[in-house]
Every structure is written in C-alpha cells, then in structure tokens.
Amino acid sequence: MAKATSAVEFMYDKKAEIKRYEEIVKPNGADGVEWVIKHSDVPCRLSTQKLDNTVQGEANAINYDVKMFLSSLIDVKAGDIIIVNGEEYESAKKPFVYVSHQEVLLVWKGYA
C-alpha cells in the first residue's frame, strides 16, 4: 500500500487549510462558537465535478462541485470550511476514505 499512497500523493499540487466550527471558551470565561483552524498546509489536489449557473433575479449564481484528494490521515468532517489557493469551499458530505487517500466533495458558491 505504501507504493499506492506515494503514487497518489505525487499528484498533490495545492495546499489546503481546514477550519471547523467548534465550541470555545472566550477569554472572559463565556462559552461560544467560532471557526477554528484544524489543519494547515495540507497537500491536496482538486478536480472539478459539476458546474451550475442559475439566474436568480438580478444575480447570476454560480455553484460548482469539486472533489478534493488528500491524505487519509487528515480529519475532515461534513460542514468543514476548506480554503485552497484563496478560494473557500464547504465540505458537502462525509469524506470517502480509502487506504491510500480520501476524497472529499466540496461546494463553491459565488455570484458573477
């Protein structure tokens, strides 16, 4: 399996930052929630899955699905925010974890 893992990791050409919405204790002792960086500089590769342009009134909404490939050792959960090359995506579903890697379906939403 080491050969399969190194073959997949050879294709990683980007770096990702993974954030998760978690409970925290504020400096004043109060409970709260905020986005916490769970992983940074994670090697990965992106592949575009689906592009969807929808006109909503005056705005042209652009939604596209992306599949991210990364190490199976990195903890990713549905709802995590993933930033790759300055673009922010949301982890849409639970990742598909394999021995050599994992695949995470991401959603990017924006307006033209």
N, C-alpha and C. Protein backbone atom coordinates (compact mmCIF):
# COMPACT_ATOMS: atom_id res chain seq x y z
N MET A 1 0.81 -1.21 0.00
CA MET A 1 0.00 0.00 0.00
C MET A 1 0.85 1.27 0.00
N ALA A 2 2.06 1.17 0.47
CA ALA A 2 2.92 2.36 0.50
C ALA A 2 3.16 2.90 -0.90
N LYS A 3 3.29 2.00 -1.89
CA LYS A 3 3.50 2.45 -3.27
C LYS A 3 2.27 3.16 -3.80
N ALA A 4 1.09 2.64 -3.47
CA ALA A 4 -0.16 3.28 -3.93
C ALA A 4 -0.30 4.65 -3.30
N THR A 5 -0.01 4.76 -2.02
CA THR A 5 -0.12 6.04 -1.32
C THR A 5 0.85 7.06 -1.91
N SER A 6 2.10 6.67 -2.13
CA SER A 6 3.06 7.62 -2.67
C SER A 6 2.72 8.00 -4.10
N ALA A 7 2.10 7.10 -4.86
CA ALA A 7 1.69 7.43 -6.23
C ALA A 7 0.59 8.48 -6.24
N VAL A 8 -0.35 8.38 -5.32
CA VAL A 8 -1.44 9.35 -5.22
C VAL A 8 -0.89 10.68 -4.71
N GLU A 9 -0.06 10.64 -3.69
CA GLU A 9 0.48 11.87 -3.11
C GLU A 9 1.38 12.62 -4.08
N PHE A 10 1.96 11.93 -5.06
CA PHE A 10 2.80 12.57 -6.06
C PHE A 10 2.02 13.61 -6.87
N MET A 11 0.70 13.40 -7.00
CA MET A 11 -0.13 14.31 -7.81
C MET A 11 -0.62 15.53 -7.03
N TYR A 12 -0.42 15.58 -5.73
CA TYR A 12 -0.89 16.72 -4.95
C TYR A 12 -0.12 17.98 -5.37
N ASP A 13 -0.84 18.98 -5.84
CA ASP A 13 -0.20 20.19 -6.35
C ASP A 13 -0.66 21.47 -5.66
N LYS A 14 -1.49 21.34 -4.63
CA LYS A 14 -2.01 22.51 -3.92
C LYS A 14 -1.90 22.29 -2.41
N LYS A 15 -2.11 23.35 -1.65
CA LYS A 15 -2.12 23.28 -0.19
C LYS A 15 -3.47 23.77 0.31
N ALA A 16 -4.00 23.14 1.34
CA ALA A 16 -5.31 23.49 1.87
C ALA A 16 -5.22 23.82 3.36
N GLU A 17 -6.19 24.63 3.79
CA GLU A 17 -6.39 24.92 5.21
C GLU A 17 -7.81 24.45 5.54
N ILE A 18 -7.95 23.73 6.65
CA ILE A 18 -9.25 23.17 7.03
C ILE A 18 -9.69 23.79 8.35
N LYS A 19 -10.91 24.38 8.33
CA LYS A 19 -11.48 25.00 9.53
C LYS A 19 -12.75 24.27 9.94
N ARG A 20 -13.00 24.25 11.24
CA ARG A 20 -14.19 23.59 11.77
C ARG A 20 -14.85 24.51 12.80
N TYR A 21 -16.18 24.54 12.79
CA TYR A 21 -16.96 25.34 13.73
C TYR A 21 -17.02 24.58 15.05
N GLU A 22 -16.38 25.12 16.10
CA GLU A 22 -16.28 24.41 17.38
C GLU A 22 -16.63 25.31 18.55
N GLU A 23 -17.00 24.64 19.63
CA GLU A 23 -17.24 25.36 20.88
C GLU A 23 -15.90 25.79 21.46
N ILE A 24 -15.88 27.01 22.00
CA ILE A 24 -14.67 27.55 22.61
C ILE A 24 -15.04 28.21 23.93
N VAL A 25 -14.04 28.50 24.72
CA VAL A 25 -14.22 29.30 25.93
C VAL A 25 -13.51 30.63 25.67
N LYS A 26 -14.26 31.72 25.73
CA LYS A 26 -13.72 33.04 25.46
C LYS A 26 -12.82 33.48 26.62
N PRO A 27 -11.97 34.50 26.38
CA PRO A 27 -11.07 34.97 27.44
C PRO A 27 -11.80 35.40 28.73
N ASN A 28 -13.07 35.85 28.57
CA ASN A 28 -13.82 36.27 29.76
C ASN A 28 -14.51 35.10 30.45
N GLY A 29 -14.28 33.86 29.94
CA GLY A 29 -14.86 32.67 30.56
C GLY A 29 -16.19 32.24 29.96
N ALA A 30 -16.76 33.04 29.08
CA ALA A 30 -18.04 32.69 28.47
C ALA A 30 -17.84 31.62 27.38
N ASP A 31 -18.87 30.80 27.20
CA ASP A 31 -18.84 29.81 26.13
C ASP A 31 -19.23 30.47 24.82
N GLY A 32 -18.70 29.96 23.74
CA GLY A 32 -19.04 30.48 22.42
C GLY A 32 -18.67 29.47 21.35
N VAL A 33 -18.91 29.84 20.12
CA VAL A 33 -18.51 29.00 18.98
C VAL A 33 -17.82 29.89 17.94
N GLU A 34 -16.82 29.33 17.27
CA GLU A 34 -16.14 30.05 16.20
C GLU A 34 -15.40 29.06 15.32
N TRP A 35 -14.97 29.56 14.15
CA TRP A 35 -14.21 28.73 13.22
C TRP A 35 -12.79 28.58 13.75
N VAL A 36 -12.35 27.32 13.89
CA VAL A 36 -11.02 27.01 14.41
C VAL A 36 -10.24 26.29 13.31
N ILE A 37 -9.00 26.69 13.08
CA ILE A 37 -8.16 26.01 12.10
C ILE A 37 -7.74 24.66 12.66
N LYS A 38 -8.12 23.59 11.96
CA LYS A 38 -7.79 22.24 12.38
C LYS A 38 -6.51 21.74 11.71
N HIS A 39 -6.34 22.08 10.43
CA HIS A 39 -5.15 21.66 9.69
C HIS A 39 -4.74 22.79 8.75
N SER A 40 -3.45 22.97 8.56
CA SER A 40 -2.99 23.96 7.58
C SER A 40 -1.85 23.35 6.76
N ASP A 41 -1.64 23.92 5.57
CA ASP A 41 -0.62 23.43 4.63
C ASP A 41 -0.78 21.94 4.32
N VAL A 42 -2.03 21.53 4.09
CA VAL A 42 -2.33 20.13 3.77
C VAL A 42 -2.17 19.94 2.26
N PRO A 43 -1.25 19.07 1.82
CA PRO A 43 -1.12 18.81 0.39
C PRO A 43 -2.39 18.17 -0.16
N CYS A 44 -2.84 18.63 -1.34
CA CYS A 44 -4.08 18.11 -1.91
C CYS A 44 -4.12 18.33 -3.42
N ARG A 45 -5.15 17.82 -4.04
CA ARG A 45 -5.41 18.03 -5.47
C ARG A 45 -6.90 18.22 -5.63
N LEU A 46 -7.30 19.14 -6.51
CA LEU A 46 -8.71 19.41 -6.78
C LEU A 46 -9.09 18.94 -8.17
N SER A 47 -10.33 18.48 -8.28
CA SER A 47 -10.88 18.07 -9.57
C SER A 47 -12.30 18.60 -9.64
N THR A 48 -12.63 19.34 -10.71
CA THR A 48 -13.97 19.90 -10.87
C THR A 48 -14.94 18.80 -11.24
N GLN A 49 -16.09 18.77 -10.57
CA GLN A 49 -17.09 17.75 -10.82
C GLN A 49 -18.27 18.27 -11.64
N LYS A 50 -18.87 19.38 -11.20
CA LYS A 50 -20.10 19.87 -11.83
C LYS A 50 -20.16 21.38 -11.72
N LEU A 51 -20.57 22.05 -12.81
CA LEU A 51 -20.74 23.49 -12.83
C LEU A 51 -22.20 23.79 -13.08
N ASP A 52 -22.77 24.72 -12.31
CA ASP A 52 -24.19 25.05 -12.44
C ASP A 52 -24.36 26.57 -12.34
N ASN A 53 -24.80 27.20 -13.42
CA ASN A 53 -25.12 28.63 -13.40
C ASN A 53 -26.62 28.79 -13.31
N THR A 54 -27.09 29.58 -12.37
CA THR A 54 -28.50 29.80 -12.17
C THR A 54 -28.75 31.29 -12.07
N VAL A 55 -29.72 31.80 -12.82
CA VAL A 55 -30.07 33.21 -12.73
C VAL A 55 -31.14 33.35 -11.66
N GLN A 56 -30.84 34.17 -10.64
CA GLN A 56 -31.77 34.42 -9.54
C GLN A 56 -32.03 35.91 -9.48
N GLY A 57 -33.09 36.33 -10.14
CA GLY A 57 -33.39 37.76 -10.18
C GLY A 57 -32.32 38.49 -10.95
N GLU A 58 -31.65 39.44 -10.33
CA GLU A 58 -30.59 40.22 -10.97
C GLU A 58 -29.24 39.51 -10.90
N ALA A 59 -29.09 38.55 -9.99
CA ALA A 59 -27.80 37.92 -9.78
C ALA A 59 -27.67 36.62 -10.58
N ASN A 60 -26.47 36.37 -11.04
CA ASN A 60 -26.17 35.12 -11.72
C ASN A 60 -25.38 34.27 -10.73
N ALA A 61 -26.05 33.31 -10.08
CA ALA A 61 -25.40 32.47 -9.07
C ALA A 61 -24.60 31.37 -9.76
N ILE A 62 -23.38 31.19 -9.30
CA ILE A 62 -22.51 30.15 -9.84
C ILE A 62 -22.22 29.16 -8.71
N ASN A 63 -22.59 27.92 -8.94
CA ASN A 63 -22.31 26.85 -7.97
C ASN A 63 -21.54 25.77 -8.70
N TYR A 64 -20.46 25.31 -8.10
CA TYR A 64 -19.82 24.14 -8.69
C TYR A 64 -19.28 23.23 -7.62
N ASP A 65 -19.30 21.95 -7.96
CA ASP A 65 -18.84 20.92 -7.05
C ASP A 65 -17.42 20.55 -7.42
N VAL A 66 -16.62 20.32 -6.41
CA VAL A 66 -15.21 19.99 -6.58
C VAL A 66 -14.92 18.76 -5.74
N LYS A 67 -14.07 17.90 -6.24
CA LYS A 67 -13.62 16.77 -5.45
C LYS A 67 -12.17 17.05 -5.06
N MET A 68 -11.89 16.93 -3.76
CA MET A 68 -10.54 17.15 -3.25
C MET A 68 -9.95 15.81 -2.84
N PHE A 69 -8.72 15.56 -3.27
CA PHE A 69 -7.99 14.36 -2.90
C PHE A 69 -6.91 14.76 -1.90
N LEU A 70 -6.82 14.03 -0.79
CA LEU A 70 -5.81 14.32 0.23
C LEU A 70 -5.52 13.07 1.04
N SER A 71 -4.57 13.15 1.93
CA SER A 71 -4.17 12.01 2.75
C SER A 71 -5.33 11.52 3.60
N SER A 72 -5.40 10.21 3.77
CA SER A 72 -6.45 9.63 4.61
C SER A 72 -6.18 9.86 6.10
N LEU A 73 -5.01 10.39 6.44
CA LEU A 73 -4.67 10.66 7.84
C LEU A 73 -5.24 11.99 8.34
N ILE A 74 -5.72 12.84 7.43
CA ILE A 74 -6.26 14.14 7.80
C ILE A 74 -7.74 14.00 8.16
N ASP A 75 -8.13 14.57 9.30
CA ASP A 75 -9.52 14.50 9.76
C ASP A 75 -10.35 15.60 9.10
N VAL A 76 -11.31 15.20 8.25
CA VAL A 76 -12.22 16.13 7.59
C VAL A 76 -13.64 15.68 7.87
N LYS A 77 -14.50 16.63 8.21
CA LYS A 77 -15.91 16.32 8.50
C LYS A 77 -16.82 17.14 7.61
N ALA A 78 -18.03 16.65 7.41
CA ALA A 78 -19.03 17.41 6.65
C ALA A 78 -19.25 18.75 7.34
N GLY A 79 -19.31 19.82 6.56
CA GLY A 79 -19.51 21.15 7.10
C GLY A 79 -18.24 21.93 7.35
N ASP A 80 -17.09 21.27 7.27
CA ASP A 80 -15.82 21.98 7.41
C ASP A 80 -15.64 22.99 6.27
N ILE A 81 -14.94 24.06 6.54
CA ILE A 81 -14.58 25.03 5.51
C ILE A 81 -13.15 24.71 5.07
N ILE A 82 -12.96 24.65 3.77
CA ILE A 82 -11.65 24.31 3.22
C ILE A 82 -11.22 25.44 2.28
N ILE A 83 -10.04 25.97 2.53
CA ILE A 83 -9.52 27.07 1.73
C ILE A 83 -8.32 26.56 0.93
N VAL A 84 -8.44 26.68 -0.41
CA VAL A 84 -7.38 26.25 -1.31
C VAL A 84 -7.10 27.40 -2.27
N ASN A 85 -5.85 27.87 -2.30
CA ASN A 85 -5.45 28.98 -3.16
C ASN A 85 -6.36 30.19 -3.02
N GLY A 86 -6.76 30.52 -1.80
CA GLY A 86 -7.60 31.70 -1.55
C GLY A 86 -9.08 31.50 -1.80
N GLU A 87 -9.47 30.36 -2.37
CA GLU A 87 -10.89 30.07 -2.62
C GLU A 87 -11.45 29.27 -1.45
N GLU A 88 -12.63 29.66 -0.99
CA GLU A 88 -13.24 28.99 0.15
C GLU A 88 -14.34 28.04 -0.32
N TYR A 89 -14.25 26.80 0.13
CA TYR A 89 -15.21 25.75 -0.20
C TYR A 89 -15.81 25.20 1.09
N GLU A 90 -16.94 24.53 0.96
CA GLU A 90 -17.54 23.84 2.11
C GLU A 90 -17.55 22.35 1.83
N SER A 91 -17.15 21.57 2.84
CA SER A 91 -17.21 20.11 2.72
C SER A 91 -18.68 19.71 2.73
N ALA A 92 -19.14 19.13 1.62
CA ALA A 92 -20.56 18.88 1.43
C ALA A 92 -21.04 17.61 2.13
N LYS A 93 -20.22 16.60 2.19
CA LYS A 93 -20.63 15.31 2.73
C LYS A 93 -19.48 14.68 3.50
N LYS A 94 -19.78 13.56 4.13
CA LYS A 94 -18.74 12.80 4.81
C LYS A 94 -17.74 12.31 3.77
N PRO A 95 -16.44 12.41 4.04
CA PRO A 95 -15.42 12.00 3.07
C PRO A 95 -15.46 10.50 2.78
N PHE A 96 -14.99 10.15 1.58
CA PHE A 96 -14.79 8.76 1.20
C PHE A 96 -13.34 8.44 1.52
N VAL A 97 -13.10 7.61 2.53
CA VAL A 97 -11.74 7.34 2.98
C VAL A 97 -11.29 5.98 2.46
N TYR A 98 -10.14 5.98 1.80
CA TYR A 98 -9.51 4.77 1.29
C TYR A 98 -8.18 4.57 2.00
N VAL A 99 -7.52 3.45 1.77
CA VAL A 99 -6.24 3.19 2.41
C VAL A 99 -5.19 4.19 1.94
N SER A 100 -5.19 4.50 0.65
CA SER A 100 -4.14 5.35 0.08
C SER A 100 -4.45 6.84 0.12
N HIS A 101 -5.73 7.21 0.23
CA HIS A 101 -6.12 8.62 0.20
C HIS A 101 -7.58 8.75 0.63
N GLN A 102 -8.09 9.98 0.62
CA GLN A 102 -9.52 10.20 0.81
C GLN A 102 -10.01 11.22 -0.20
N GLU A 103 -11.30 11.13 -0.52
CA GLU A 103 -11.92 12.05 -1.46
C GLU A 103 -13.02 12.80 -0.71
N VAL A 104 -12.97 14.13 -0.81
CA VAL A 104 -13.93 14.98 -0.12
C VAL A 104 -14.68 15.79 -1.17
N LEU A 105 -16.00 15.72 -1.16
CA LEU A 105 -16.80 16.52 -2.07
C LEU A 105 -16.97 17.91 -1.49
N LEU A 106 -16.61 18.93 -2.27
CA LEU A 106 -16.67 20.32 -1.84
C LEU A 106 -17.66 21.08 -2.71
N VAL A 107 -18.21 22.16 -2.14
CA VAL A 107 -19.12 23.02 -2.88
C VAL A 107 -18.58 24.44 -2.80
N TRP A 108 -18.52 25.12 -3.95
CA TRP A 108 -18.16 26.53 -4.00
C TRP A 108 -19.37 27.29 -4.52
N LYS A 109 -19.73 28.40 -3.86
CA LYS A 109 -20.86 29.21 -4.28
C LYS A 109 -20.40 30.65 -4.43
N GLY A 110 -20.84 31.28 -5.50
CA GLY A 110 -20.47 32.66 -5.72
C GLY A 110 -21.43 33.32 -6.69
N TYR A 111 -21.17 34.56 -7.02
CA TYR A 111 -22.02 35.33 -7.93
C TYR A 111 -21.17 35.98 -8.99
N ALA A 112 -21.70 36.01 -10.22
CA ALA A 112 -21.00 36.65 -11.33
C ALA A 112 -21.53 38.05 -11.53
